[in-house]
Protein backbone atom coordinates (compact mmCIF):
# COMPACT_ATOMS: atom_id res chain seq x y z
CA MET A 1 -17.65 -15.54 15.53
CA LYS A 2 -19.36 -14.01 18.56
CA GLU A 3 -18.48 -10.51 17.30
CA HIS A 4 -19.87 -11.39 13.87
CA ILE A 5 -23.09 -12.68 15.44
CA SER A 6 -23.43 -9.42 17.38
CA SER A 7 -22.96 -7.46 14.15
CA VAL A 8 -25.65 -9.52 12.41
CA LEU A 9 -28.08 -8.92 15.28
CA ARG A 10 -27.41 -5.17 15.23
CA GLN A 11 -27.97 -5.11 11.48
CA ILE A 12 -31.27 -6.95 11.85
CA GLU A 13 -32.41 -4.35 14.38
CA GLN A 14 -31.45 -1.54 12.04
CA GLU A 15 -32.86 -2.91 8.79
CA PHE A 16 -36.10 -4.34 10.21
CA ASN A 17 -36.61 -1.48 12.69
CA VAL A 18 -36.98 -3.84 15.65
CA LYS A 19 -35.43 -4.29 19.08
CA ILE A 20 -34.01 -7.72 19.87
CA LEU A 21 -34.91 -8.60 23.44
CA HIS A 22 -33.22 -11.98 23.72
CA ALA A 23 -30.90 -13.89 21.38
CA CYS A 24 -29.36 -17.27 22.07
CA GLU A 25 -27.93 -20.47 20.65
CA ALA A 26 -30.55 -23.16 20.08
CA GLY A 27 -28.93 -25.94 18.06
CA SER A 28 -26.25 -28.53 18.72
CA ARG A 29 -24.05 -25.90 20.37
CA ALA A 30 -26.72 -25.22 22.98
CA LEU A 31 -27.34 -28.96 23.40
CA GLY A 32 -23.64 -29.55 24.02
CA PHE A 33 -22.79 -31.93 21.17
CA HIS A 34 -21.31 -29.60 18.59
CA SER A 35 -17.99 -29.77 16.82
CA GLN A 36 -15.94 -26.86 15.52
CA LYS A 37 -17.69 -27.21 12.15
CA SER A 38 -21.23 -27.17 13.56
CA ASP A 39 -23.70 -24.51 12.49
CA TYR A 40 -24.68 -21.64 14.74
CA ASP A 41 -28.44 -21.79 15.21
CA ILE A 42 -29.24 -18.31 16.49
CA ARG A 43 -32.76 -17.74 17.78
CA PHE A 44 -34.19 -14.47 19.04
CA ILE A 45 -37.29 -12.66 20.31
CA TYR A 46 -37.90 -9.16 18.98
CA LEU A 47 -40.27 -6.24 19.33
CA HIS A 48 -41.53 -3.86 16.65
CA ASN A 49 -42.26 -0.22 17.38
CA LEU A 50 -45.70 0.92 18.50
CA GLU A 51 -46.72 2.13 15.04
CA TRP A 52 -46.30 -1.40 13.63
CA TYR A 53 -48.79 -2.77 16.16
CA LEU A 54 -51.35 -0.05 15.37
CA SER A 55 -51.82 -1.26 11.80
CA ILE A 56 -55.18 -2.79 10.87
CA ASP A 57 -53.34 -5.68 9.20
CA GLN A 58 -51.39 -8.39 10.99
CA GLY A 59 -47.77 -8.13 9.93
CA ARG A 60 -45.32 -10.97 9.42
CA ASP A 61 -44.18 -12.18 12.82
CA VAL A 62 -40.94 -14.01 11.99
CA ILE A 63 -37.52 -13.04 10.66
CA GLU A 64 -35.50 -15.81 9.00
CA ILE A 65 -31.99 -15.26 7.69
CA PRO A 66 -30.97 -16.52 5.18
CA ARG A 67 -33.94 -18.82 4.51
CA HIS A 68 -36.48 -16.08 3.81
CA ASP A 69 -34.96 -12.68 4.61
CA THR A 70 -31.71 -10.90 3.86
CA ILE A 71 -29.62 -8.11 5.34
CA SER A 72 -27.08 -5.88 3.64
CA ILE A 73 -23.97 -7.26 5.36
CA HIS A 74 -22.26 -10.60 4.80
CA VAL A 75 -23.63 -13.44 6.95
CA ASP A 76 -21.32 -16.36 7.61
CA PRO A 77 -22.67 -19.56 5.95
CA LEU A 78 -22.51 -21.33 9.32
CA LEU A 79 -25.17 -18.99 10.71
CA ASP A 80 -28.87 -19.84 10.69
CA VAL A 81 -30.69 -16.90 12.27
CA SER A 82 -34.39 -16.90 13.09
CA GLY A 83 -36.58 -14.80 15.37
CA TRP A 84 -40.14 -14.55 16.61
CA GLU A 85 -42.01 -11.33 17.28
CA LEU A 86 -42.84 -10.87 20.97
CA ARG A 87 -46.61 -11.35 20.70
CA LYS A 88 -46.07 -14.60 18.80
CA ALA A 89 -43.51 -15.65 21.40
CA LEU A 90 -45.88 -14.89 24.28
CA ARG A 91 -48.72 -16.84 22.65
CA LEU A 92 -46.39 -19.82 22.28
CA PHE A 93 -45.15 -19.31 25.83
CA ARG A 94 -48.76 -19.54 26.99
CA LYS A 95 -48.91 -22.99 25.33
CA SER A 96 -45.58 -24.11 26.87
CA ASN A 97 -43.95 -24.32 23.45
CA PRO A 98 -40.78 -26.39 24.06
CA SER A 99 -38.61 -24.57 21.53
CA LEU A 100 -39.35 -21.17 23.02
CA LEU A 101 -38.86 -22.41 26.58
CA GLU A 102 -35.48 -23.84 25.64
CA TRP A 103 -34.46 -20.54 24.03
CA LEU A 104 -35.13 -18.88 27.38
CA HIS A 105 -32.91 -21.44 29.13
CA SER A 106 -30.05 -21.69 26.65
CA SER A 107 -26.68 -21.33 28.36
CA ILE A 108 -25.27 -19.51 25.30
CA VAL A 109 -26.81 -16.04 25.21
CA TYR A 110 -25.77 -13.43 22.65
CA LYS A 111 -28.12 -10.64 23.69
CA ASP A 112 -30.49 -10.16 26.62
CA ASP A 113 -31.86 -6.63 26.92
CA PHE A 114 -34.70 -4.87 28.74
CA GLY A 115 -35.36 -7.74 31.18
CA ILE A 116 -38.24 -9.22 29.17
CA ALA A 117 -36.79 -12.75 28.98
CA GLU A 118 -36.13 -12.63 32.72
CA LYS A 119 -39.76 -11.67 33.35
CA MET A 120 -40.93 -14.54 31.13
CA ARG A 121 -38.82 -16.98 33.11
CA ALA A 122 -40.32 -15.58 36.32
CA LEU A 123 -43.79 -16.47 34.99
CA GLU A 124 -42.86 -20.05 34.10
CA LYS A 125 -43.89 -21.53 37.44
CA GLU A 126 -47.48 -20.41 36.81
CA VAL A 127 -47.60 -20.85 33.03
CA PHE A 128 -45.62 -24.05 32.41
CA SER A 129 -47.64 -27.14 31.51
CA VAL A 130 -45.70 -30.40 31.67
CA LYS A 131 -47.91 -32.36 29.26
CA PRO A 132 -47.15 -30.56 25.94
CA TYR A 133 -43.45 -30.39 26.81
CA PHE A 134 -43.39 -34.09 27.74
CA TYR A 135 -45.16 -35.20 24.56
CA HIS A 136 -42.99 -33.01 22.36
CA HIS A 137 -39.89 -34.86 23.51
CA LEU A 138 -41.61 -38.24 23.59
CA ASN A 139 -42.66 -37.83 19.95
CA LEU A 140 -39.18 -36.65 18.94
CA ALA A 141 -37.63 -39.71 20.55
CA LYS A 142 -40.22 -42.04 18.97
CA SER A 143 -39.65 -40.60 15.50
CA ASN A 144 -35.87 -40.92 15.74
CA PHE A 145 -36.14 -44.41 17.22
CA LYS A 146 -38.38 -45.56 14.38
CA ASN A 147 -35.84 -44.34 11.84
CA GLN A 148 -32.96 -45.97 13.70
CA SER A 149 -34.79 -49.29 13.89
CA LYS A 150 -35.00 -49.66 10.10
CA SER A 151 -31.37 -50.75 9.65
CA ASP A 152 -28.59 -52.48 11.56
CA ASP A 153 -26.14 -49.86 10.33
CA ALA A 154 -26.97 -46.51 11.84
CA ASP A 155 -25.67 -43.03 12.33
CA LEU A 156 -25.17 -42.81 16.08
CA LYS A 157 -25.74 -39.05 16.29
CA PRO A 158 -29.54 -39.41 16.58
CA TYR A 159 -28.97 -41.43 19.75
CA LEU A 160 -27.78 -38.22 21.39
CA TYR A 161 -31.04 -36.53 20.42
CA MET A 162 -33.07 -39.51 21.62
CA VAL A 163 -31.28 -39.73 24.96
CA ARG A 164 -31.69 -36.00 25.46
CA SER A 165 -35.41 -36.14 24.63
CA VAL A 166 -35.97 -39.04 27.03
CA LEU A 167 -34.08 -37.33 29.85
CA ALA A 168 -35.71 -33.94 29.20
CA ALA A 169 -39.21 -35.42 29.27
CA LYS A 170 -38.52 -37.39 32.44
CA TRP A 171 -36.98 -34.34 34.12
CA ALA A 172 -40.00 -32.17 33.31
CA ALA A 173 -42.39 -34.82 34.62
CA ALA A 174 -40.41 -35.31 37.83
CA HIS A 175 -39.52 -31.70 38.64
CA ARG A 176 -42.39 -29.82 36.96
CA ASN A 177 -39.99 -27.31 35.43
CA ILE A 178 -37.77 -26.84 32.39
CA PRO A 179 -34.81 -29.25 32.31
CA PRO A 180 -31.26 -28.19 31.47
CA VAL A 181 -30.83 -27.65 27.74
CA ASN A 182 -27.29 -29.04 27.63
CA LEU A 183 -27.09 -32.84 27.36
CA ASN A 184 -24.04 -32.97 29.65
CA ASP A 185 -26.11 -31.47 32.45
CA LEU A 186 -28.92 -33.96 31.87
CA LEU A 187 -26.53 -36.91 31.84
CA ARG A 188 -25.37 -35.93 35.31
CA SER A 189 -28.85 -36.83 36.53
CA LEU A 190 -28.24 -40.45 35.47
CA PRO A 191 -26.52 -42.86 37.87
CA ASP A 192 -23.29 -44.42 36.64
CA SER A 193 -24.30 -47.16 34.23
CA PRO A 194 -23.45 -48.61 30.80
CA VAL A 195 -26.12 -46.32 29.32
CA LYS A 196 -24.45 -43.21 30.71
CA THR A 197 -21.01 -44.45 29.60
CA GLU A 198 -22.18 -45.13 26.04
CA ALA A 199 -23.89 -41.76 25.76
CA MET A 200 -20.81 -39.96 27.07
CA ASN A 201 -18.58 -41.85 24.61
CA ILE A 202 -20.74 -40.94 21.61
CA LEU A 203 -20.92 -37.36 22.85
CA ALA A 204 -17.12 -37.14 23.02
CA ILE A 205 -16.76 -38.54 19.49
CA LYS A 206 -19.37 -36.11 18.14
CA LYS A 207 -17.63 -33.12 19.70
CA SER A 208 -14.28 -34.23 18.27
CA GLY A 209 -15.70 -33.89 14.76
CA ASN A 210 -15.03 -37.53 13.88
CA SER A 211 -17.58 -39.72 12.11
CA ILE A 212 -19.81 -41.69 14.46
CA SER A 213 -21.54 -43.99 11.98
CA GLN A 214 -21.15 -47.63 13.02
CA VAL A 215 -23.18 -50.68 13.94
CA LYS A 216 -26.28 -49.82 15.95
CA ASN A 217 -25.56 -49.25 19.65
CA SER A 218 -27.47 -52.05 21.35
CA ILE A 219 -27.14 -50.62 24.89
CA LEU A 220 -28.68 -47.27 24.00
CA HIS A 221 -31.16 -48.87 21.63
CA GLU A 222 -32.59 -51.13 24.33
CA TYR A 223 -32.55 -48.33 26.91
CA ILE A 224 -34.53 -45.99 24.67
CA LYS A 225 -36.92 -48.77 23.61
CA SER A 226 -37.70 -49.53 27.25
CA GLU A 227 -38.04 -45.87 28.23
CA LEU A 228 -40.45 -45.13 25.38
CA VAL A 229 -42.81 -47.86 26.56
CA GLN A 230 -42.77 -46.50 30.11
CA MET A 231 -43.17 -42.91 28.93
CA GLU A 232 -46.17 -43.79 26.76
CA SER A 233 -47.87 -45.23 29.83
CA TYR A 234 -46.86 -42.38 32.12
CA GLY A 235 -47.94 -39.67 29.69
CA LYS A 236 -51.56 -40.86 29.75
CA HIS A 237 -51.82 -39.75 33.37
CA LEU A 238 -50.43 -36.25 32.87
CA SER A 239 -52.83 -33.35 33.17
CA GLU A 240 -52.54 -29.98 31.46
CA ASN A 241 -52.23 -26.62 33.13
CA THR A 242 -55.57 -25.07 32.19
CA SER A 243 -55.07 -21.75 33.99
CA ASP A 244 -55.45 -18.70 31.78
CA HIS A 245 -52.46 -16.38 32.03
CA THR A 246 -53.40 -14.12 29.13
CA GLU A 247 -53.83 -11.07 31.36
CA SER A 248 -50.32 -11.40 32.80
CA LEU A 249 -48.83 -11.91 29.35
CA ASN A 250 -50.74 -8.93 27.95
CA SER A 251 -49.32 -6.83 30.79
CA LEU A 252 -45.82 -8.03 29.96
CA PHE A 253 -46.27 -7.16 26.29
CA GLN A 254 -47.58 -3.70 27.17
CA LEU A 255 -44.69 -3.18 29.58
CA ALA A 256 -42.24 -4.08 26.82
CA LEU A 257 -43.80 -1.57 24.43
CA GLU A 258 -43.71 1.12 27.10
CA HIS A 259 -40.10 0.61 28.13
CA VAL A 260 -38.38 -0.57 24.95
CA TRP A 261 -39.74 2.13 22.65
CA ASP A 262 -40.69 5.74 23.31
CA PRO A 263 -44.19 6.15 21.82
CA GLU A 264 -43.79 9.94 21.50
CA ILE A 265 -40.92 9.43 19.09
CA LEU A 266 -42.62 6.73 17.05
CA VAL A 267 -46.15 8.06 16.71
CA ASN A 268 -47.06 11.59 15.75
CA GLN A 269 -50.47 12.02 17.31
CA ASN A 270 -51.23 15.05 15.13
CA LYS A 271 -50.40 13.32 11.86
CA GLU A 272 -53.35 13.10 9.49
CA PRO A 273 -53.85 9.69 7.83
CA ASP A 274 -53.13 9.47 4.11
CA CYS A 275 -56.49 8.45 2.61
CA THR A 276 -55.60 8.96 -1.04
């Protein structure tokens, strides 16, 4: 599958005339609770050539295969491939967008060229704001918990997402940086306890591919319920990073254009515009 993914990424570059700077796994495989039948959620950051950015109109800044876009080669049905143009990615990076930050820290990387992702990670210490990241995961956990509370019979898989969101939010608040993406790594931060044991058991069942629908897990349910109350209170005291890092991010974007593409090849300075 990895070879097929590489072929799909190369085809995207060719057919959309872009350079993919970073491509990674972002779904259950990155989170560490996939089975053999799980989808591959491929996410990437890409750069157009200089001529594209010199247009007076703002172009589309996402590529989504197969939801919106297509390529001329077969794409395995298990693949969900989506990318953000670099300027869009940098604007979201400036806002500490959790999805983008977790792309940059995924342990499953399919492509990482030109050092742009590395430079973004180097800027995290200055750019990262705990508050939006914290509330993103708090709200995810609250939404899943509300759904789980509606019935005594529940699919246990959402508990993995809830536990991960709780641990990720608490990690970010405590360490002021991006937590591990993989749930296994986050669970290691928990002391041995019934909560950790239950989460590990559900994780093992999920990865085996077996069904994990059963009576609601009371240990995890009460743990998450308690944590959500504490997190709601704690979140009120978080402050945002209000520093403006636009200049640094502009410089990174300009550096990418300079090094990834050769402007002399892409733009003919003597070409007369077609005004017909």
